[in-house]
PDB file of all heavy atoms in Angstrom:
ATOM      1  N   TYR A   1       0.843  -1.221   0.001  1.00  0.00           N
ATOM      2  CA  TYR A   1      -0.002  -0.010  -0.003  1.00  0.00           C
ATOM      3  C   TYR A   1       0.853   1.265   0.001  1.00  0.00           C
ATOM      4  O   TYR A   1       0.646   2.185  -0.764  1.00  0.00           O
ATOM      5  CB  TYR A   1      -0.897  -0.006   1.227  1.00  0.00           C
ATOM      6  CG  TYR A   1      -2.243  -0.668   1.014  1.00  0.00           C
ATOM      7  CD1 TYR A   1      -2.531  -1.892   1.624  1.00  0.00           C
ATOM      8  CD2 TYR A   1      -3.223  -0.082   0.225  1.00  0.00           C
ATOM      9  CE1 TYR A   1      -3.739  -2.492   1.429  1.00  0.00           C
ATOM     10  CE2 TYR A   1      -4.433  -0.710   0.037  1.00  0.00           C
ATOM     11  CZ  TYR A   1      -4.714  -1.914   0.635  1.00  0.00           C
ATOM     12  OH  TYR A   1      -5.898  -2.543   0.457  1.00  0.00           O
ATOM     13  N   GLU A   2       1.866   1.262   0.862  1.00  0.00           N
ATOM     14  CA  GLU A   2       2.690   2.466   1.040  1.00  0.00           C
ATOM     15  C   GLU A   2       3.585   2.768  -0.155  1.00  0.00           C
ATOM     16  O   GLU A   2       3.810   3.896  -0.516  1.00  0.00           O
ATOM     17  CB  GLU A   2       3.510   2.350   2.294  1.00  0.00           C
ATOM     18  CG  GLU A   2       2.705   2.354   3.576  1.00  0.00           C
ATOM     19  CD  GLU A   2       3.530   2.103   4.843  1.00  0.00           C
ATOM     20  OE1 GLU A   2       4.662   1.644   4.719  1.00  0.00           O
ATOM     21  OE2 GLU A   2       3.023   2.389   5.937  1.00  0.00           O
ATOM     22  N   GLN A   3       4.146   1.689  -0.772  1.00  0.00           N
ATOM     23  CA  GLN A   3       5.131   1.879  -1.826  1.00  0.00           C
ATOM     24  C   GLN A   3       4.552   1.858  -3.208  1.00  0.00           C
ATOM     25  O   GLN A   3       5.149   2.397  -4.149  1.00  0.00           O
ATOM     26  CB  GLN A   3       6.229   0.816  -1.678  1.00  0.00           C
ATOM     27  CG  GLN A   3       7.048   0.931  -0.422  1.00  0.00           C
ATOM     28  CD  GLN A   3       8.197  -0.076  -0.358  1.00  0.00           C
ATOM     29  OE1 GLN A   3       8.317  -0.884  -1.229  1.00  0.00           O
ATOM     30  NE2 GLN A   3       8.987   0.022   0.696  1.00  0.00           N
ATOM     31  N   ASN A   4       3.393   1.195  -3.398  1.00  0.00           N
ATOM     32  CA  ASN A   4       2.864   0.999  -4.744  1.00  0.00           C
ATOM     33  C   ASN A   4       1.454   1.548  -4.919  1.00  0.00           C
ATOM     34  O   ASN A   4       1.176   2.433  -5.777  1.00  0.00           O
ATOM     35  CB  ASN A   4       2.909  -0.477  -5.138  1.00  0.00           C
ATOM     36  CG  ASN A   4       4.330  -1.046  -5.091  1.00  0.00           C
ATOM     37  OD1 ASN A   4       5.241  -0.440  -5.625  1.00  0.00           O
ATOM     38  ND2 ASN A   4       4.474  -2.215  -4.498  1.00  0.00           N
ATOM     39  N   ILE A   5       0.512   1.042  -4.128  1.00  0.00           N
ATOM     40  CA  ILE A   5      -0.880   1.337  -4.378  1.00  0.00           C
ATOM     41  C   ILE A   5      -1.181   2.837  -4.125  1.00  0.00           C
ATOM     42  O   ILE A   5      -1.745   3.505  -5.003  1.00  0.00           O
ATOM     43  CB  ILE A   5      -1.799   0.471  -3.496  1.00  0.00           C
ATOM     44  CG1 ILE A   5      -1.589  -1.004  -3.818  1.00  0.00           C
ATOM     45  CG2 ILE A   5      -3.272   0.859  -3.667  1.00  0.00           C
ATOM     46  CD1 ILE A   5      -2.340  -1.966  -2.993  1.00  0.00           C
ATOM     47  N   ILE A   6      -0.796   3.337  -2.965  1.00  0.00           N
ATOM     48  CA  ILE A   6      -1.119   4.762  -2.647  1.00  0.00           C
ATOM     49  C   ILE A   6      -0.381   5.705  -3.559  1.00  0.00           C
ATOM     50  O   ILE A   6      -0.987   6.657  -4.083  1.00  0.00           O
ATOM     51  CB  ILE A   6      -0.775   5.039  -1.154  1.00  0.00           C
ATOM     52  CG1 ILE A   6      -1.752   4.266  -0.225  1.00  0.00           C
ATOM     53  CG2 ILE A   6      -0.871   6.549  -0.867  1.00  0.00           C
ATOM     54  CD1 ILE A   6      -1.529   4.426   1.257  1.00  0.00           C
ATOM     55  N   PRO A   7       0.931   5.485  -3.854  1.00  0.00           N
ATOM     56  CA  PRO A   7       1.568   6.420  -4.820  1.00  0.00           C
ATOM     57  C   PRO A   7       0.901   6.394  -6.176  1.00  0.00           C
ATOM     58  O   PRO A   7       0.766   7.451  -6.846  1.00  0.00           O
ATOM     59  CB  PRO A   7       3.016   5.896  -4.902  1.00  0.00           C
ATOM     60  CG  PRO A   7       3.249   5.269  -3.579  1.00  0.00           C
ATOM     61  CD  PRO A   7       1.903   4.647  -3.211  1.00  0.00           C
ATOM     62  N   ALA A   8       0.469   5.191  -6.647  1.00  0.00           N
ATOM     63  CA  ALA A   8      -0.222   5.111  -7.931  1.00  0.00           C
ATOM     64  C   ALA A   8      -1.545   5.878  -7.931  1.00  0.00           C
ATOM     65  O   ALA A   8      -1.856   6.575  -8.902  1.00  0.00           O
ATOM     66  CB  ALA A   8      -0.437   3.653  -8.305  1.00  0.00           C
ATOM     67  N   LEU A   9      -2.278   5.734  -6.845  1.00  0.00           N
ATOM     68  CA  LEU A   9      -3.558   6.451  -6.762  1.00  0.00           C
ATOM     69  C   LEU A   9      -3.341   7.963  -6.622  1.00  0.00           C
ATOM     70  O   LEU A   9      -4.163   8.765  -7.051  1.00  0.00           O
ATOM     71  CB  LEU A   9      -4.392   5.925  -5.602  1.00  0.00           C
ATOM     72  CG  LEU A   9      -4.905   4.488  -5.827  1.00  0.00           C
ATOM     73  CD1 LEU A   9      -5.598   3.963  -4.553  1.00  0.00           C
ATOM     74  CD2 LEU A   9      -5.914   4.460  -6.981  1.00  0.00           C
ATOM     75  N   GLN A  10      -2.241   8.338  -5.958  1.00  0.00           N
ATOM     76  CA  GLN A  10      -1.920   9.748  -5.887  1.00  0.00           C
ATOM     77  C   GLN A  10      -1.635  10.333  -7.261  1.00  0.00           C
ATOM     78  O   GLN A  10      -2.075  11.453  -7.557  1.00  0.00           O
ATOM     79  CB  GLN A  10      -0.706   9.950  -4.946  1.00  0.00           C
ATOM     80  CG  GLN A  10      -1.011   9.850  -3.480  1.00  0.00           C
ATOM     81  CD  GLN A  10       0.260   9.954  -2.619  1.00  0.00           C
ATOM     82  OE1 GLN A  10       1.338   9.608  -3.046  1.00  0.00           O
ATOM     83  NE2 GLN A  10       0.090  10.478  -1.416  1.00  0.00           N
ATOM     84  N   ASN A  11      -0.926   9.580  -8.048  1.00  0.00           N
ATOM     85  CA  ASN A  11      -0.661  10.025  -9.413  1.00  0.00           C
ATOM     86  C   ASN A  11      -1.970  10.087 -10.235  1.00  0.00           C
ATOM     87  O   ASN A  11      -2.131  11.003 -11.071  1.00  0.00           O
ATOM     88  CB  ASN A  11       0.329   9.099 -10.102  1.00  0.00           C
ATOM     89  CG  ASN A  11       1.733   9.220  -9.462  1.00  0.00           C
ATOM     90  OD1 ASN A  11       2.125  10.275  -8.973  1.00  0.00           O
ATOM     91  ND2 ASN A  11       2.505   8.122  -9.528  1.00  0.00           N
ATOM     92  N   THR A  12      -2.854   9.115  -9.987  1.00  0.00           N
ATOM     93  CA  THR A  12      -4.136   9.129 -10.687  1.00  0.00           C
ATOM     94  C   THR A  12      -4.904  10.361 -10.313  1.00  0.00           C
ATOM     95  O   THR A  12      -5.495  11.052 -11.202  1.00  0.00           O
ATOM     96  CB  THR A  12      -4.970   7.859 -10.307  1.00  0.00           C
ATOM     97  OG1 THR A  12      -4.202   6.712 -10.670  1.00  0.00           O
ATOM     98  CG2 THR A  12      -6.305   7.876 -10.998  1.00  0.00           C
ATOM     99  N   TYR A  13      -4.944  10.706  -9.031  1.00  0.00           N
ATOM    100  CA  TYR A  13      -5.657  11.909  -8.566  1.00  0.00           C
ATOM    101  C   TYR A  13      -5.015  13.172  -9.153  1.00  0.00           C
ATOM    102  O   TYR A  13      -5.685  14.037  -9.628  1.00  0.00           O
ATOM    103  CB  TYR A  13      -5.673  11.939  -7.052  1.00  0.00           C
ATOM    104  CG  TYR A  13      -5.913  13.340  -6.490  1.00  0.00           C
ATOM    105  CD1 TYR A  13      -7.118  13.966  -6.600  1.00  0.00           C
ATOM    106  CD2 TYR A  13      -4.856  14.021  -5.884  1.00  0.00           C
ATOM    107  CE1 TYR A  13      -7.323  15.251  -6.113  1.00  0.00           C
ATOM    108  CE2 TYR A  13      -5.042  15.320  -5.354  1.00  0.00           C
ATOM    109  CZ  TYR A  13      -6.262  15.902  -5.493  1.00  0.00           C
ATOM    110  OH  TYR A  13      -6.471  17.163  -5.009  1.00  0.00           O
ATOM    111  N   LYS A  14      -3.691  13.220  -9.101  1.00  0.00           N
ATOM    112  CA  LYS A  14      -3.001  14.418  -9.626  1.00  0.00           C
ATOM    113  C   LYS A  14      -3.212  14.625 -11.124  1.00  0.00           C
ATOM    114  O   LYS A  14      -3.412  15.744 -11.609  1.00  0.00           O
ATOM    115  CB  LYS A  14      -1.482  14.330  -9.335  1.00  0.00           C
ATOM    116  CG  LYS A  14      -1.126  14.446  -7.866  1.00  0.00           C
ATOM    117  CD  LYS A  14       0.344  14.284  -7.645  1.00  0.00           C
ATOM    118  CE  LYS A  14       0.713  14.367  -6.164  1.00  0.00           C
ATOM    119  NZ  LYS A  14       2.158  14.137  -5.958  1.00  0.00           N
ATOM    120  N   THR A  15      -3.230  13.467 -11.854  1.00  0.00           N
ATOM    121  CA  THR A  15      -3.484  13.562 -13.323  1.00  0.00           C
ATOM    122  C   THR A  15      -4.893  14.037 -13.569  1.00  0.00           C
ATOM    123  O   THR A  15      -5.135  14.901 -14.443  1.00  0.00           O
ATOM    124  CB  THR A  15      -3.304  12.160 -13.942  1.00  0.00           C
ATOM    125  OG1 THR A  15      -1.933  11.695 -13.653  1.00  0.00           O
ATOM    126  CG2 THR A  15      -3.538  12.200 -15.424  1.00  0.00           C
ATOM    127  N   ALA A  16      -5.902  13.471 -12.790  1.00  0.00           N
ATOM    128  CA  ALA A  16      -7.266  13.915 -12.993  1.00  0.00           C
ATOM    129  C   ALA A  16      -7.425  15.397 -12.607  1.00  0.00           C
ATOM    130  O   ALA A  16      -8.169  16.140 -13.320  1.00  0.00           O
ATOM    131  CB  ALA A  16      -8.215  13.042 -12.144  1.00  0.00           C
ATOM    132  N   LEU A  17      -6.781  15.839 -11.543  1.00  0.00           N
ATOM    133  CA  LEU A  17      -6.865  17.224 -11.116  1.00  0.00           C
ATOM    134  C   LEU A  17      -6.227  18.155 -12.160  1.00  0.00           C
ATOM    135  O   LEU A  17      -6.771  19.221 -12.479  1.00  0.00           O
ATOM    136  CB  LEU A  17      -6.135  17.399  -9.793  1.00  0.00           C
ATOM    137  CG  LEU A  17      -6.197  18.807  -9.209  1.00  0.00           C
ATOM    138  CD1 LEU A  17      -7.592  19.311  -8.976  1.00  0.00           C
ATOM    139  CD2 LEU A  17      -5.386  18.872  -7.889  1.00  0.00           C
ATOM    140  N   GLN A  18      -5.074  17.707 -12.716  1.00  0.00           N
ATOM    141  CA  GLN A  18      -4.406  18.539 -13.698  1.00  0.00           C
ATOM    142  C   GLN A  18      -5.261  18.659 -14.982  1.00  0.00           C
ATOM    143  O   GLN A  18      -5.382  19.749 -15.548  1.00  0.00           O
ATOM    144  CB  GLN A  18      -3.059  17.891 -14.057  1.00  0.00           C
ATOM    145  CG  GLN A  18      -2.257  18.743 -15.038  1.00  0.00           C
ATOM    146  CD  GLN A  18      -0.862  18.116 -15.315  1.00  0.00           C
ATOM    147  OE1 GLN A  18      -0.618  16.987 -14.934  1.00  0.00           O
ATOM    148  NE2 GLN A  18       0.011  18.871 -15.919  1.00  0.00           N
ATOM    149  N   SER A  19      -5.914  17.562 -15.377  1.00  0.00           N
ATOM    150  CA  SER A  19      -6.769  17.619 -16.534  1.00  0.00           C
ATOM    151  C   SER A  19      -7.988  18.521 -16.258  1.00  0.00           C
ATOM    152  O   SER A  19      -8.426  19.292 -17.185  1.00  0.00           O
ATOM    153  CB  SER A  19      -7.262  16.197 -16.909  1.00  0.00           C
ATOM    154  OG  SER A  19      -6.199  15.372 -17.233  1.00  0.00           O
ATOM    155  N   TYR A  20      -8.498  18.450 -15.021  1.00  0.00           N
ATOM    156  CA  TYR A  20      -9.633  19.270 -14.684  1.00  0.00           C
ATOM    157  C   TYR A  20      -9.256  20.764 -14.691  1.00  0.00           C
ATOM    158  O   TYR A  20     -10.021  21.617 -15.201  1.00  0.00           O
ATOM    159  CB  TYR A  20     -10.138  18.864 -13.305  1.00  0.00           C
ATOM    160  CG  TYR A  20     -11.381  19.665 -12.841  1.00  0.00           C
ATOM    161  CD1 TYR A  20     -12.596  19.492 -13.463  1.00  0.00           C
ATOM    162  CD2 TYR A  20     -11.292  20.523 -11.739  1.00  0.00           C
ATOM    163  CE1 TYR A  20     -13.720  20.178 -13.038  1.00  0.00           C
ATOM    164  CE2 TYR A  20     -12.382  21.216 -11.345  1.00  0.00           C
ATOM    165  CZ  TYR A  20     -13.612  21.074 -11.972  1.00  0.00           C
ATOM    166  OH  TYR A  20     -14.691  21.762 -11.527  1.00  0.00           O
ATOM    167  N   GLU A  21      -8.085  21.074 -14.169  1.00  0.00           N
ATOM    168  CA  GLU A  21      -7.651  22.477 -14.197  1.00  0.00           C
ATOM    169  C   GLU A  21      -7.354  22.986 -15.582  1.00  0.00           C
ATOM    170  O   GLU A  21      -7.492  24.194 -15.860  1.00  0.00           O
ATOM    171  CB  GLU A  21      -6.378  22.607 -13.317  1.00  0.00           C
ATOM    172  CG  GLU A  21      -6.650  22.415 -11.843  1.00  0.00           C
ATOM    173  CD  GLU A  21      -5.392  22.409 -11.009  1.00  0.00           C
ATOM    174  OE1 GLU A  21      -4.290  22.270 -11.610  1.00  0.00           O
ATOM    175  OE2 GLU A  21      -5.451  22.556  -9.758  1.00  0.00           O
ATOM    176  N   GLN A  22      -7.022  22.063 -16.487  1.00  0.00           N
ATOM    177  CA  GLN A  22      -6.768  22.457 -17.904  1.00  0.00           C
ATOM    178  C   GLN A  22      -8.037  22.346 -18.755  1.00  0.00           C
ATOM    179  O   GLN A  22      -7.953  22.410 -19.994  1.00  0.00           O
ATOM    180  CB  GLN A  22      -5.668  21.602 -18.477  1.00  0.00           C
ATOM    181  CG  GLN A  22      -4.329  21.813 -17.773  1.00  0.00           C
ATOM    182  CD  GLN A  22      -3.253  20.870 -18.290  1.00  0.00           C
ATOM    183  OE1 GLN A  22      -3.521  19.944 -19.049  1.00  0.00           O
ATOM    184  NE2 GLN A  22      -2.019  21.057 -17.850  1.00  0.00           N
ATOM    185  N   ASN A  23      -9.193  22.073 -18.107  1.00  0.00           N
ATOM    186  CA  ASN A  23     -10.504  21.969 -18.757  1.00  0.00           C
ATOM    187  C   ASN A  23     -10.533  20.788 -19.778  1.00  0.00           C
ATOM    188  O   ASN A  23     -11.306  20.827 -20.721  1.00  0.00           O
ATOM    189  CB  ASN A  23     -10.802  23.282 -19.497  1.00  0.00           C
ATOM    190  CG  ASN A  23     -10.978  24.396 -18.513  1.00  0.00           C
ATOM    191  OD1 ASN A  23     -11.519  24.273 -17.438  1.00  0.00           O
ATOM    192  ND2 ASN A  23     -10.484  25.613 -18.922  1.00  0.00           N
ATOM    193  N   THR A  24      -9.710  19.815 -19.544  1.00  0.00           N
ATOM    194  CA  THR A  24      -9.769  18.567 -20.370  1.00  0.00           C
ATOM    195  C   THR A  24     -10.337  17.405 -19.629  1.00  0.00           C
ATOM    196  O   THR A  24     -10.469  16.273 -20.181  1.00  0.00           O
ATOM    197  CB  THR A  24      -8.366  18.195 -20.899  1.00  0.00           C
ATOM    198  OG1 THR A  24      -7.494  18.022 -19.800  1.00  0.00           O
ATOM    199  CG2 THR A  24      -7.857  19.342 -21.788  1.00  0.00           C
ATOM    200  N   GLY A  25     -10.614  17.572 -18.327  1.00  0.00           N
ATOM    201  CA  GLY A  25     -11.221  16.525 -17.513  1.00  0.00           C
ATOM    202  C   GLY A  25     -12.475  17.040 -16.822  1.00  0.00           C
ATOM    203  O   GLY A  25     -12.889  18.163 -17.037  1.00  0.00           O
ATOM    204  N   ASP A  26     -13.053  16.173 -16.059  1.00  0.00           N
ATOM    205  CA  ASP A  26     -14.287  16.554 -15.333  1.00  0.00           C
ATOM    206  C   ASP A  26     -14.184  16.334 -13.871  1.00  0.00           C
ATOM    207  O   ASP A  26     -13.280  15.628 -13.385  1.00  0.00           O
ATOM    208  CB  ASP A  26     -15.517  15.799 -15.907  1.00  0.00           C
ATOM    209  CG  ASP A  26     -15.317  14.230 -15.856  1.00  0.00           C
ATOM    210  OD1 ASP A  26     -14.319  13.817 -15.277  1.00  0.00           O
ATOM    211  OD2 ASP A  26     -16.160  13.547 -16.432  1.00  0.00           O
ATOM    212  N   LEU A  27     -15.093  16.917 -13.122  1.00  0.00           N
ATOM    213  CA  LEU A  27     -15.084  16.853 -11.641  1.00  0.00           C
ATOM    214  C   LEU A  27     -15.272  15.433 -11.162  1.00  0.00           C
ATOM    215  O   LEU A  27     -14.609  15.061 -10.199  1.00  0.00           O
ATOM    216  CB  LEU A  27     -16.128  17.800 -11.085  1.00  0.00           C
ATOM    217  CG  LEU A  27     -16.172  17.900  -9.580  1.00  0.00           C
ATOM    218  CD1 LEU A  27     -14.826  18.359  -8.957  1.00  0.00           C
ATOM    219  CD2 LEU A  27     -17.292  18.865  -9.117  1.00  0.00           C
ATOM    220  N   PRO A  28     -16.209  14.615 -11.724  1.00  0.00           N
ATOM    221  CA  PRO A  28     -16.371  13.263 -11.207  1.00  0.00           C
ATOM    222  C   PRO A  28     -15.075  12.466 -11.223  1.00  0.00           C
ATOM    223  O   PRO A  28     -14.847  11.612 -10.358  1.00  0.00           O
ATOM    224  CB  PRO A  28     -17.422  12.670 -12.163  1.00  0.00           C
ATOM    225  CG  PRO A  28     -18.238  13.854 -12.602  1.00  0.00           C
ATOM    226  CD  PRO A  28     -17.251  14.944 -12.732  1.00  0.00           C
ATOM    227  N   SER A  29     -14.224  12.654 -12.216  1.00  0.00           N
ATOM    228  CA  SER A  29     -12.953  11.925 -12.249  1.00  0.00           C
ATOM    229  C   SER A  29     -12.079  12.346 -11.097  1.00  0.00           C
ATOM    230  O   SER A  29     -11.396  11.470 -10.481  1.00  0.00           O
ATOM    231  CB  SER A  29     -12.250  12.249 -13.588  1.00  0.00           C
ATOM    232  OG  SER A  29     -13.009  11.742 -14.681  1.00  0.00           O
ATOM    233  N   VAL A  30     -12.048  13.646 -10.783  1.00  0.00           N
ATOM    234  CA  VAL A  30     -11.275  14.077  -9.656  1.00  0.00           C
ATOM    235  C   VAL A  30     -11.815  13.527  -8.343  1.00  0.00           C
ATOM    236  O   VAL A  30     -11.084  13.041  -7.467  1.00  0.00           O
ATOM    237  CB  VAL A  30     -11.236  15.602  -9.607  1.00  0.00           C
ATOM    238  CG1 VAL A  30     -10.432  16.133  -8.401  1.00  0.00           C
ATOM    239  CG2 VAL A  30     -10.662  16.179 -10.867  1.00  0.00           C
ATOM    240  N   LEU A  31     -13.165  13.551  -8.199  1.00  0.00           N
ATOM    241  CA  LEU A  31     -13.799  13.002  -7.014  1.00  0.00           C
ATOM    242  C   LEU A  31     -13.563  11.545  -6.849  1.00  0.00           C
ATOM    243  O   LEU A  31     -13.305  11.049  -5.714  1.00  0.00           O
ATOM    244  CB  LEU A  31     -15.283  13.327  -7.052  1.00  0.00           C
ATOM    245  CG  LEU A  31     -15.741  14.781  -6.997  1.00  0.00           C
ATOM    246  CD1 LEU A  31     -17.270  14.884  -7.068  1.00  0.00           C
ATOM    247  CD2 LEU A  31     -15.217  15.458  -5.711  1.00  0.00           C
ATOM    248  N   ALA A  32     -13.597  10.838  -8.006  1.00  0.00           N
ATOM    249  CA  ALA A  32     -13.291   9.402  -7.921  1.00  0.00           C
ATOM    250  C   ALA A  32     -11.849   9.129  -7.506  1.00  0.00           C
ATOM    251  O   ALA A  32     -11.558   8.238  -6.726  1.00  0.00           O
ATOM    252  CB  ALA A  32     -13.570   8.736  -9.284  1.00  0.00           C
ATOM    253  N   GLY A  33     -10.938  10.020  -7.996  1.00  0.00           N
ATOM    254  CA  GLY A  33      -9.520   9.879  -7.545  1.00  0.00           C
ATOM    255  C   GLY A  33      -9.355  10.143  -6.083  1.00  0.00           C
ATOM    256  O   GLY A  33      -8.599   9.414  -5.431  1.00  0.00           O
ATOM    257  N   ILE A  34     -10.007  11.173  -5.580  1.00  0.00           N
ATOM    258  CA  ILE A  34      -9.963  11.444  -4.132  1.00  0.00           C
ATOM    259  C   ILE A  34     -10.513  10.268  -3.325  1.00  0.00           C
ATOM    260  O   ILE A  34      -9.957   9.850  -2.317  1.00  0.00           O
ATOM    261  CB  ILE A  34     -10.721  12.746  -3.809  1.00  0.00           C
ATOM    262  CG1 ILE A  34      -9.979  13.937  -4.437  1.00  0.00           C
ATOM    263  CG2 ILE A  34     -10.793  12.957  -2.317  1.00  0.00           C
ATOM    264  CD1 ILE A  34     -10.756  15.267  -4.305  1.00  0.00           C
ATOM    265  N   LYS A  35     -11.657   9.769  -3.781  1.00  0.00           N
ATOM    266  CA  LYS A  35     -12.320   8.687  -3.041  1.00  0.00           C
ATOM    267  C   LYS A  35     -11.443   7.391  -3.064  1.00  0.00           C
ATOM    268  O   LYS A  35     -11.329   6.717  -2.020  1.00  0.00           O
ATOM    269  CB  LYS A  35     -13.684   8.381  -3.676  1.00  0.00           C
ATOM    270  CG  LYS A  35     -14.520   7.416  -2.895  1.00  0.00           C
ATOM    271  CD  LYS A  35     -15.939   7.324  -3.488  1.00  0.00           C
ATOM    272  CE  LYS A  35     -16.804   6.388  -2.607  1.00  0.00           C
ATOM    273  NZ  LYS A  35     -18.189   6.329  -3.185  1.00  0.00           N
ATOM    274  N   ASP A  36     -10.894   7.087  -4.181  1.00  0.00           N
ATOM    275  CA  ASP A  36     -10.058   5.878  -4.284  1.00  0.00           C
ATOM    276  C   ASP A  36      -8.809   6.036  -3.401  1.00  0.00           C
ATOM    277  O   ASP A  36      -8.368   5.124  -2.713  1.00  0.00           O
ATOM    278  CB  ASP A  36      -9.649   5.617  -5.734  1.00  0.00           C
ATOM    279  CG  ASP A  36     -10.794   5.193  -6.599  1.00  0.00           C
ATOM    280  OD1 ASP A  36     -11.864   4.755  -6.023  1.00  0.00           O
ATOM    281  OD2 ASP A  36     -10.693   5.300  -7.825  1.00  0.00           O
ATOM    282  N   LEU A  37      -8.220   7.267  -3.431  1.00  0.00           N
ATOM    283  CA  LEU A  37      -7.036   7.514  -2.567  1.00  0.00           C
ATOM    284  C   LEU A  37      -7.392   7.430  -1.079  1.00  0.00           C
ATOM    285  O   LEU A  37      -6.638   6.821  -0.300  1.00  0.00           O
ATOM    286  CB  LEU A  37      -6.470   8.883  -2.906  1.00  0.00           C
ATOM    287  CG  LEU A  37      -5.191   9.314  -2.188  1.00  0.00           C
ATOM    288  CD1 LEU A  37      -4.061   8.355  -2.429  1.00  0.00           C
ATOM    289  CD2 LEU A  37      -4.801  10.729  -2.607  1.00  0.00           C
ATOM    290  N   GLN A  38      -8.540   7.979  -0.709  1.00  0.00           N
ATOM    291  CA  GLN A  38      -8.994   7.866   0.671  1.00  0.00           C
ATOM    292  C   GLN A  38      -9.185   6.427   1.073  1.00  0.00           C
ATOM    293  O   GLN A  38      -8.753   5.980   2.140  1.00  0.00           O
ATOM    294  CB  GLN A  38     -10.297   8.640   0.863  1.00  0.00           C
ATOM    295  CG  GLN A  38     -10.914   8.435   2.271  1.00  0.00           C
ATOM    296  CD  GLN A  38     -12.384   8.936   2.293  1.00  0.00           C
ATOM    297  OE1 GLN A  38     -12.833   9.594   1.415  1.00  0.00           O
ATOM    298  NE2 GLN A  38     -13.092   8.502   3.340  1.00  0.00           N
ATOM    299  N   ALA A  39      -9.855   5.635   0.201  1.00  0.00           N
ATOM    300  CA  ALA A  39     -10.117   4.241   0.515  1.00  0.00           C
ATOM    301  C   ALA A  39      -8.822   3.453   0.695  1.00  0.00           C
ATOM    302  O   ALA A  39      -8.692   2.629   1.603  1.00  0.00           O
ATOM    303  CB  ALA A  39     -10.948   3.603  -0.615  1.00  0.00           C
ATOM    304  N   ALA A  40      -7.832   3.717  -0.166  1.00  0.00           N
ATOM    305  CA  ALA A  40      -6.570   3.030  -0.062  1.00  0.00           C
ATOM    306  C   ALA A  40      -5.801   3.375   1.235  1.00  0.00           C
ATOM    307  O   ALA A  40      -5.233   2.491   1.881  1.00  0.00           O
ATOM    308  CB  ALA A  40      -5.672   3.361  -1.279  1.00  0.00           C
TER     309      ALA A  40
END
């Protein structure tokens, strides 16, 4: 979890947030990234 799963989900969240800030992504993707990161 500490070395693989959580870092991967952090990158997923950061990618979704970056896309959202650049208007190429949507809010549900960011929320899903936050939720998955929280769950992990």
